[in-house]
Each structure stands twice: as structure tokens, then as C-alpha cells.
Amino acid sequence: MNIQDETLQENLSETSAAKKKKRHTGLIIFLVILAAALIGGALYYFYQRQQPVQTVEGFLQDIQTMDFNGMSAFLQDGDLSQLDEADIRDETYAGFFQEINSKMTYDITENHFRITNGTANVTARIRYIDGSNIYKETITEFLRQIVSTAFSGEDLTEQETRETLSSILQEKAQSAQDSFSETEITYPLIKTESGWKILSLDEETVTFMSANFKTVEDEINQSLSDMEAGNGSTAQTAPEAAEGDRIDMDTDTFSIQYTNHTVGSDFGGDPCLMVYYDYTNNGSSPSSAMVDVSLQAYQNGELCDAAIPEVNDPAIDNYMSEIQPGQTVNVCQAFSLKDQSDVTLQASEAFSFSGSASASQIIKLQ
């Protein structure tokens, strides 16, 4: 091979290498562009996927700070009227609700994101203050005070009544140990022109924001209805009692102990049963047996009506008299009789909720 042939061969080799290098470089550039496109698509998807989660987190954070404008902005319809039904936006109770909701915590547990139609379902596990016991104690004390106030002849305005309830509520909340409950709520969301929005405020959110008020609302309404009817915590079904049972109760607010009974006549001359018991005020403020105690009598399975005895007895006055904390008086309550059959007595806490203390006793008239 002459010099000319060698030079030609070298040129051909260099040209082939250059082409291979160019093809290799082009492949690398293509792969880089492809990878960038894939990464960019993944990043875009990940970014979009996080948007509904951030909306729910922002909504729950606004609940913690009770920022109602912020909450409304995260809702598609912006409607927070359900909060008003639970008095959560009422200025009278603002301090209480701010305190309990500041202790709420949450974790996002699921995110079902659908990029094709711009919808998502985000699930949050929420730990919140359960105020059921606080509400029960508050309403019981509130009813006791309202009855005592009415008996003393005072008239409270609507605002004074609300302020009284708010004061008791905050007092009970401060003295009670925090009790937490957990719930899981799935928030449906939709992508709008102004970002991701929760479709609407749901009942479960209102419930935990109100510290489980909805779970005791029926009992509260029943107690209020009983108070308006003048029945206290009247039971409509005759209780069961054994021969040796005696009314002997001790609660945080009062103690009662049966002492004796007599059969007399009411102001119309009809027979009536007069039941005597010792009442002790265990509370921290003046009260009375009429405010604290619910005593019913049953004969032949039916509730006996209250009676007004024809005799004057100081124990009858003691039933209505307001006594000081730690004081004990003997009181009397009278009930109409239909015949001489046994009477079953049942004592319980007046204006109380289910599960309250109670005691029963059989009175033999013959």
C-alpha cells in the first residue's frame, strides 16, 4: 500500500469514527431530553397531586386558629352556616371554642387524586377534644342555677342567660382534664379556576369543631324539655326495687337519705303519701332539694301526681328553701295515692343526663 492509499484509509477511518461519535452524541441528547420530559411530567403530576392535600391541610390549620374567613376560602360554596347552628361563631362562646380547637391535631392518611377530571378525595385522621362530659356538667349546673334563680323571683335577660351558660362552660372546661377522641374524615375536592376547593362543610367537621356537642344535643334538648314541663328528670317507666333497698344517695352536688313516711290527706281531702328524707348540699353554692333532687312515686306501675298536703309541715318548706353548702335539712315531698297498694320510690339527679346516679325503694302502706 502506497502513501496515498494509507492517507485515504486514515481519512475513511476518521470519517467513520466521527459519524459514530455524532450518532452516539445524538442518542445521548435524545435520552437526556426524554429523561427531562419524564422527570418534568412526574414533577408536574406530583405537584398537582399535592394541591388537594395542601388545601385540606390549610383548611384544618384555619380550624385550629378559628380563622373563619380562611376556612370559607377553602370551600367551593364558602358556606359556614352550619357553624352558626352549633354556636361556634357566637362571640359569647368564642373563648371556649378557640381553646378546644387549638388542641386539635391531624394526619393526612389517604389521597385519591384523579388528574384526568380534576377531582380528589383526601382523608385526614383528626384528634380533637371530646367535650361530652364538659357539656353534661355545664348543662346540669346551668339548669340548677336557672331553676334556683327563677325560684328566687329574679328574671334574667336572654343575654344574661347566655353569659351565665358561657361562664359555666368555660369554668368546667378549665377544671376538666382534656379528653380526646379520634375521627377520620374524607374530604371531596374539585379543581377550580381559583385552585383546589373542598366541596362543602360537612357535619363531621362541625361535630369535632364543637367538641362533640352533636353527640349530647338530644340529651340536652330532652333535659330542657323536662325543665319546661316542670318534670325534672322524670322517668315514665316504673323502676324495679328489692325489699331491702333504701334511698341513700351521695353525689358531687348533694346527698339524700330516706328517713320515714306517713299517709295523710291533701288539701282536697284525698289520701296522699308524705315522704321524708335528709338533704345535704354538697356543692359550693347555695341550692335546694327542689333544684337538685328528682323524686318520683309509682303505684300499680303508674306515676303518682304530686300532692299538696293539708297540714303545715316545716319539712315541706325545706324542700323549696335554699340552703348553704354543707348544710343538712329534713325535707318532705307528697304524692297522691290511688289505693293502699305498695309504692315504689325512685330518686335521681334533677335535670341530669342518662347514666346519672339513682336509688329506689318500696314503701308498704299496709
Protein backbone atom coordinates (compact mmCIF):
# COMPACT_ATOMS: atom_id res chain seq x y z
CA MET A 1 0.00 0.00 0.00
CA ASN A 2 1.42 3.34 -1.04
CA ILE A 3 1.32 6.54 0.93
CA GLN A 4 -1.71 7.78 -0.95
CA ASP A 5 -3.72 4.69 -0.07
CA GLU A 6 -2.72 4.91 3.57
CA THR A 7 -3.84 8.52 3.75
CA LEU A 8 -7.18 7.63 2.17
CA GLN A 9 -7.68 4.78 4.63
CA GLU A 10 -6.95 7.07 7.54
CA ASN A 11 -9.44 9.65 6.27
CA LEU A 12 -12.12 6.99 5.91
CA SER A 13 -11.50 5.74 9.45
CA GLU A 14 -11.68 9.25 10.85
CA THR A 15 -14.93 9.92 8.96
CA SER A 16 -16.48 6.68 10.26
CA ALA A 17 -15.44 7.46 13.82
CA ALA A 18 -16.85 10.97 13.54
CA LYS A 19 -20.17 9.59 12.31
CA LYS A 20 -20.30 7.08 15.14
CA LYS A 21 -19.47 9.80 17.64
CA LYS A 22 -22.17 12.04 16.19
CA ARG A 23 -24.74 9.26 16.35
CA HIS A 24 -23.71 8.50 19.94
CA THR A 25 -23.96 12.18 20.90
CA GLY A 26 -27.40 12.43 19.29
CA LEU A 27 -28.61 9.39 21.23
CA ILE A 28 -27.38 10.89 24.49
CA ILE A 29 -29.11 14.18 23.76
CA PHE A 30 -32.33 12.31 22.92
CA LEU A 31 -32.14 10.28 26.12
CA VAL A 32 -31.44 13.44 28.13
CA ILE A 33 -34.44 15.18 26.57
CA LEU A 34 -36.60 12.10 27.15
CA ALA A 35 -35.49 11.82 30.76
CA ALA A 36 -36.11 15.53 31.30
CA ALA A 37 -39.57 15.17 29.81
CA LEU A 38 -40.33 12.18 32.02
CA ILE A 39 -38.98 13.90 35.13
CA GLY A 40 -40.86 17.07 34.24
CA GLY A 41 -44.06 15.10 33.79
CA ALA A 42 -43.54 13.29 37.08
CA LEU A 43 -42.79 16.54 38.87
CA TYR A 44 -45.89 18.13 37.37
CA TYR A 45 -48.02 15.16 38.42
CA PHE A 46 -46.52 15.16 41.91
CA TYR A 47 -47.08 18.91 42.22
CA GLN A 48 -50.70 18.62 41.09
CA ARG A 49 -51.26 15.64 43.38
CA GLN A 50 -50.14 17.66 46.41
CA GLN A 51 -52.50 20.56 45.75
CA PRO A 52 -55.67 18.96 47.22
CA VAL A 53 -53.65 17.77 50.23
CA GLN A 54 -52.41 21.31 50.83
CA THR A 55 -55.98 22.58 50.59
CA VAL A 56 -57.17 20.18 53.30
CA GLU A 57 -54.15 20.98 55.47
CA GLY A 58 -54.81 24.71 55.09
CA PHE A 59 -58.47 24.19 55.96
CA LEU A 60 -57.62 22.22 59.12
CA GLN A 61 -54.98 24.76 60.14
CA ASP A 62 -57.59 27.50 59.88
CA ILE A 63 -59.83 25.42 62.15
CA GLN A 64 -57.03 25.29 64.73
CA THR A 65 -56.82 29.10 64.73
CA MET A 66 -60.58 29.59 64.22
CA ASP A 67 -59.95 31.66 61.08
CA PHE A 68 -63.44 31.59 59.58
CA ASN A 69 -62.52 33.68 56.53
CA GLY A 70 -59.70 31.26 55.74
CA MET A 71 -61.99 28.27 56.18
CA SER A 72 -64.58 29.79 53.88
CA ALA A 73 -61.96 30.41 51.18
CA PHE A 74 -61.12 26.69 51.07
CA LEU A 75 -64.76 25.72 50.43
CA GLN A 76 -66.26 25.70 46.95
CA ASP A 77 -69.54 27.18 48.21
CA GLY A 78 -67.91 29.20 51.02
CA ASP A 79 -70.85 28.33 53.28
CA LEU A 80 -70.15 28.14 57.04
CA SER A 81 -73.76 28.49 58.20
CA GLN A 82 -73.64 25.07 59.93
CA LEU A 83 -71.22 26.58 62.43
CA ASP A 84 -73.87 29.06 63.49
CA GLU A 85 -76.32 26.25 64.24
CA ALA A 86 -73.78 24.92 66.78
CA ASP A 87 -72.99 28.46 68.09
CA ILE A 88 -69.34 28.05 67.09
CA ARG A 89 -69.18 31.59 65.65
CA ASP A 90 -71.12 33.11 68.54
CA GLU A 91 -68.92 35.70 70.29
CA THR A 92 -70.33 34.63 73.67
CA TYR A 93 -68.64 31.21 73.35
CA ALA A 94 -65.63 32.28 71.26
CA GLY A 95 -63.09 31.75 74.07
CA PHE A 96 -64.23 28.19 74.71
CA PHE A 97 -64.20 27.08 71.07
CA GLN A 98 -60.86 28.75 70.38
CA GLU A 99 -59.30 26.91 73.30
CA ILE A 100 -60.54 23.45 72.40
CA ASN A 101 -59.85 23.71 68.65
CA SER A 102 -56.28 24.94 69.23
CA LYS A 103 -55.58 21.48 70.68
CA MET A 104 -56.80 19.64 67.56
CA THR A 105 -54.15 17.73 65.58
CA TYR A 106 -54.35 15.83 62.29
CA ASP A 107 -52.55 13.48 59.89
CA ILE A 108 -53.30 13.02 56.19
CA THR A 109 -53.73 9.29 55.68
CA GLU A 110 -55.02 8.93 52.08
CA ASN A 111 -55.09 10.91 48.86
CA HIS A 112 -57.15 9.58 45.96
CA PHE A 113 -56.15 12.01 43.21
CA ARG A 114 -57.63 11.96 39.70
CA ILE A 115 -55.76 14.26 37.34
CA THR A 116 -58.00 13.40 34.37
CA ASN A 117 -61.12 15.07 35.76
CA GLY A 118 -59.63 17.34 38.41
CA THR A 119 -61.12 15.69 41.50
CA ALA A 120 -59.69 14.16 44.66
CA ASN A 121 -60.65 12.59 47.98
CA VAL A 122 -58.30 13.38 50.86
CA THR A 123 -58.69 11.55 54.17
CA ALA A 124 -57.49 13.05 57.45
CA ARG A 125 -57.25 11.35 60.84
CA ILE A 126 -58.21 14.02 63.37
CA ARG A 127 -57.57 14.01 67.12
CA TYR A 128 -59.77 16.51 68.93
CA ILE A 129 -61.13 17.46 72.34
CA ASP A 130 -64.23 15.46 73.28
CA GLY A 131 -66.30 17.83 75.38
CA SER A 132 -69.23 15.50 76.08
CA ASN A 133 -68.61 15.41 79.83
CA ILE A 134 -67.95 19.15 79.91
CA TYR A 135 -71.27 19.81 78.22
CA LYS A 136 -73.16 17.47 80.52
CA GLU A 137 -71.74 19.05 83.66
CA THR A 138 -72.30 22.53 82.22
CA ILE A 139 -75.92 21.98 81.28
CA THR A 140 -76.70 20.28 84.59
CA GLU A 141 -75.20 23.18 86.55
CA PHE A 142 -76.87 25.69 84.23
CA LEU A 143 -80.31 24.17 84.77
CA ARG A 144 -79.77 24.11 88.52
CA GLN A 145 -78.86 27.78 88.53
CA ILE A 146 -81.74 28.77 86.25
CA VAL A 147 -84.28 26.96 88.43
CA SER A 148 -82.76 28.49 91.57
CA THR A 149 -82.84 31.95 90.00
CA ALA A 150 -86.44 31.54 88.90
CA PHE A 151 -87.43 30.39 92.38
CA SER A 152 -85.82 33.48 93.93
CA GLY A 153 -88.00 35.67 91.73
CA GLU A 154 -85.20 37.02 89.52
CA ASP A 155 -85.67 37.42 85.77
CA LEU A 156 -82.62 37.07 83.53
CA THR A 157 -82.48 38.64 80.10
CA GLU A 158 -81.60 36.45 77.13
CA GLN A 159 -78.09 37.94 77.07
CA GLU A 160 -77.62 37.36 80.80
CA THR A 161 -78.76 33.77 80.37
CA ARG A 162 -76.26 33.23 77.54
CA GLU A 163 -73.47 34.81 79.57
CA THR A 164 -74.31 32.58 82.52
CA LEU A 165 -74.09 29.50 80.31
CA SER A 166 -70.82 30.71 78.78
CA SER A 167 -69.29 31.36 82.19
CA ILE A 168 -70.20 27.88 83.45
CA LEU A 169 -68.93 26.32 80.21
CA GLN A 170 -65.51 27.94 80.48
CA GLU A 171 -65.27 27.12 84.19
CA LYS A 172 -66.00 23.44 83.55
CA ALA A 173 -63.61 23.35 80.58
CA GLN A 174 -60.75 24.78 82.65
CA SER A 175 -61.30 22.40 85.56
CA ALA A 176 -61.78 19.25 83.47
CA GLN A 177 -58.91 17.10 82.25
CA ASP A 178 -58.59 17.05 78.47
CA SER A 179 -60.32 14.05 76.93
CA PHE A 180 -59.51 13.31 73.28
CA SER A 181 -61.36 11.39 70.59
CA GLU A 182 -60.33 10.49 67.04
CA THR A 183 -62.24 10.53 63.79
CA GLU A 184 -61.42 10.02 60.11
CA ILE A 185 -62.99 12.39 57.61
CA THR A 186 -62.70 12.09 53.83
CA TYR A 187 -62.92 15.48 52.14
CA PRO A 188 -64.05 15.50 48.48
CA LEU A 189 -62.29 18.20 46.44
CA ILE A 190 -62.52 19.68 42.96
CA LYS A 191 -60.08 21.77 40.92
CA THR A 192 -61.46 25.22 40.12
CA GLU A 193 -60.11 28.32 38.38
CA SER A 194 -59.00 29.63 41.78
CA GLY A 195 -57.40 26.38 42.92
CA TRP A 196 -58.48 23.20 44.69
CA LYS A 197 -61.58 23.53 46.86
CA ILE A 198 -63.37 21.29 49.38
CA LEU A 199 -66.92 20.84 48.09
CA SER A 200 -68.70 21.93 51.29
CA LEU A 201 -68.56 21.96 55.07
CA ASP A 202 -69.57 18.52 56.39
CA GLU A 203 -71.39 17.54 59.58
CA GLU A 204 -68.45 15.52 60.95
CA THR A 205 -66.22 18.61 60.85
CA VAL A 206 -68.85 20.67 62.66
CA THR A 207 -69.11 17.92 65.29
CA PHE A 208 -65.42 17.83 66.16
CA MET A 209 -65.16 21.64 66.00
CA SER A 210 -67.93 21.81 68.59
CA ALA A 211 -66.14 19.24 70.80
CA ASN A 212 -68.74 16.53 70.15
CA PHE A 213 -71.69 18.75 71.06
CA LYS A 214 -73.85 16.92 68.50
CA THR A 215 -73.47 13.66 70.42
CA VAL A 216 -75.16 15.09 73.54
CA GLU A 217 -77.53 17.51 71.83
CA ASP A 218 -80.53 15.18 72.08
CA GLU A 219 -79.98 14.68 75.80
CA ILE A 220 -79.64 18.42 76.34
CA ASN A 221 -82.85 19.11 74.44
CA GLN A 222 -84.64 16.43 76.45
CA SER A 223 -83.45 17.96 79.72
CA LEU A 224 -84.58 21.40 78.59
CA SER A 225 -87.98 19.99 77.62
CA ASP A 226 -88.26 18.31 81.01
CA MET A 227 -87.43 21.58 82.75
CA GLU A 228 -90.06 23.48 80.74
CA ALA A 229 -92.62 20.80 81.64
CA GLY A 230 -91.62 21.01 85.29
CA ASN A 231 -90.75 17.32 85.39
CA GLY A 232 -87.07 17.35 86.23
CA SER A 233 -85.66 14.02 85.05
CA THR A 234 -88.97 12.19 85.30
CA ALA A 235 -88.90 8.54 84.27
CA GLN A 236 -92.09 7.27 82.67
CA THR A 237 -91.43 3.59 83.41
CA ALA A 238 -91.81 2.26 86.94
CA PRO A 239 -88.40 1.29 88.38
CA GLU A 240 -87.52 -2.04 89.95
CA ALA A 241 -86.67 -2.23 93.64
CA ALA A 242 -85.99 -5.03 96.11
CA GLU A 243 -87.48 -5.30 99.59
CA GLY A 244 -84.29 -4.20 101.33
CA ASP A 245 -83.46 -1.26 99.07
CA ARG A 246 -83.33 2.20 100.64
CA ILE A 247 -82.92 5.63 99.11
CA ASP A 248 -79.41 6.62 100.12
CA MET A 249 -77.54 8.64 97.50
CA ASP A 250 -74.31 10.62 97.56
CA THR A 251 -73.31 12.79 94.57
CA ASP A 252 -70.92 15.69 94.00
CA THR A 253 -73.75 18.19 94.40
CA PHE A 254 -75.96 16.64 97.08
CA SER A 255 -76.71 13.70 99.37
CA ILE A 256 -80.14 12.34 100.33
CA GLN A 257 -81.20 9.65 102.79
CA TYR A 258 -84.72 8.37 103.41
CA THR A 259 -85.90 8.87 106.99
CA ASN A 260 -89.63 7.99 107.16
CA HIS A 261 -93.05 8.34 105.56
CA THR A 262 -96.65 8.96 106.60
CA VAL A 263 -100.05 8.77 104.94
CA GLY A 264 -102.19 11.91 105.21
CA SER A 265 -104.66 13.94 103.20
CA ASP A 266 -104.17 16.57 100.55
CA PHE A 267 -105.94 19.94 100.55
CA GLY A 268 -108.94 18.29 98.82
CA GLY A 269 -109.26 15.53 101.43
CA ASP A 270 -107.84 12.74 99.21
CA PRO A 271 -105.14 10.41 100.56
CA CYS A 272 -101.51 11.29 99.93
CA LEU A 273 -98.12 9.82 100.77
CA MET A 274 -95.66 12.11 102.53
CA VAL A 275 -92.03 11.02 102.04
CA TYR A 276 -89.33 12.48 104.30
CA TYR A 277 -85.59 12.45 103.61
CA ASP A 278 -82.47 14.31 104.72
CA TYR A 279 -80.96 16.53 102.06
CA THR A 280 -77.35 17.78 102.24
CA ASN A 281 -75.92 20.39 99.91
CA ASN A 282 -72.53 19.04 98.79
CA GLY A 283 -71.98 21.81 96.26
CA SER A 284 -70.05 25.06 96.52
CA SER A 285 -73.04 27.41 96.23
CA PRO A 286 -76.49 27.67 97.85
CA SER A 287 -79.05 25.19 96.48
CA SER A 288 -82.17 23.24 97.43
CA ALA A 289 -83.71 19.79 97.18
CA MET A 290 -86.16 21.16 94.64
CA VAL A 291 -83.24 22.13 92.38
CA ASP A 292 -81.06 19.05 92.90
CA VAL A 293 -83.36 16.09 93.54
CA SER A 294 -85.87 14.32 91.34
CA LEU A 295 -88.09 12.05 93.44
CA GLN A 296 -90.95 10.09 91.83
CA ALA A 297 -93.51 7.69 93.26
CA TYR A 298 -95.14 4.83 91.32
CA GLN A 299 -98.23 2.87 92.28
CA ASN A 300 -99.54 -0.06 90.23
CA GLY A 301 -96.90 0.76 87.62
CA GLU A 302 -98.16 4.32 87.11
CA LEU A 303 -96.55 7.62 88.06
CA CYS A 304 -98.21 9.33 91.03
CA ASP A 305 -99.07 13.02 90.84
CA ALA A 306 -97.50 15.50 93.22
CA ALA A 307 -99.83 16.48 96.06
CA ILE A 308 -100.25 19.46 98.38
CA PRO A 309 -100.81 18.21 101.96
CA GLU A 310 -103.46 19.86 104.08
CA VAL A 311 -101.12 20.04 107.10
CA ASN A 312 -98.43 22.65 107.60
CA ASP A 313 -95.06 20.99 107.93
CA PRO A 314 -91.65 22.76 108.05
CA ALA A 315 -90.16 19.86 106.06
CA ILE A 316 -92.36 20.81 103.10
CA ASP A 317 -90.98 24.35 103.22
CA ASN A 318 -87.45 22.92 103.47
CA TYR A 319 -87.96 21.20 100.12
CA MET A 320 -88.08 24.60 98.42
CA SER A 321 -85.78 26.52 100.75
CA GLU A 322 -82.29 27.43 99.56
CA ILE A 323 -79.66 26.12 101.96
CA GLN A 324 -75.94 26.75 102.26
CA PRO A 325 -73.13 24.36 101.22
CA GLY A 326 -72.59 21.66 103.83
CA GLN A 327 -75.99 22.22 105.47
CA THR A 328 -78.45 19.34 106.01
CA VAL A 329 -82.23 19.67 106.36
CA ASN A 330 -85.10 17.22 106.52
CA VAL A 331 -87.49 17.71 103.60
CA CYS A 332 -90.87 16.31 102.60
CA GLN A 333 -92.46 15.58 99.24
CA ALA A 334 -96.08 14.46 98.90
CA PHE A 335 -97.72 12.23 96.27
CA SER A 336 -101.36 11.38 95.54
CA LEU A 337 -102.46 7.80 96.30
CA LYS A 338 -104.97 5.72 94.34
CA ASP A 339 -105.25 2.90 96.87
CA GLN A 340 -103.32 1.15 99.66
CA SER A 341 -101.02 -0.90 97.41
CA ASP A 342 -97.21 -0.67 97.62
CA VAL A 343 -95.50 2.46 96.33
CA THR A 344 -92.09 2.37 94.61
CA LEU A 345 -89.95 5.47 95.04
CA GLN A 346 -87.13 6.45 92.71
CA ALA A 347 -84.67 9.26 93.41
CA SER A 348 -82.20 10.66 90.89
CA GLU A 349 -80.35 13.83 89.96
CA ALA A 350 -82.70 16.50 88.68
CA PHE A 351 -82.03 17.89 85.19
CA SER A 352 -79.34 15.33 84.61
CA PHE A 353 -78.31 13.11 81.71
CA SER A 354 -78.51 9.39 81.15
CA GLY A 355 -76.26 7.40 83.42
CA SER A 356 -76.81 9.65 86.45
CA ALA A 357 -76.99 8.27 89.98
CA SER A 358 -80.33 6.88 91.16
CA ALA A 359 -81.81 4.88 94.01
CA SER A 360 -85.13 3.05 94.51
CA GLN A 361 -87.18 1.91 97.49
CA ILE A 362 -90.50 0.13 98.14
CA ILE A 363 -92.95 1.74 100.57
CA LYS A 364 -95.54 -0.62 102.09
CA LEU A 365 -98.75 1.16 103.04
CA GLN A 366 -100.35 -1.88 104.72
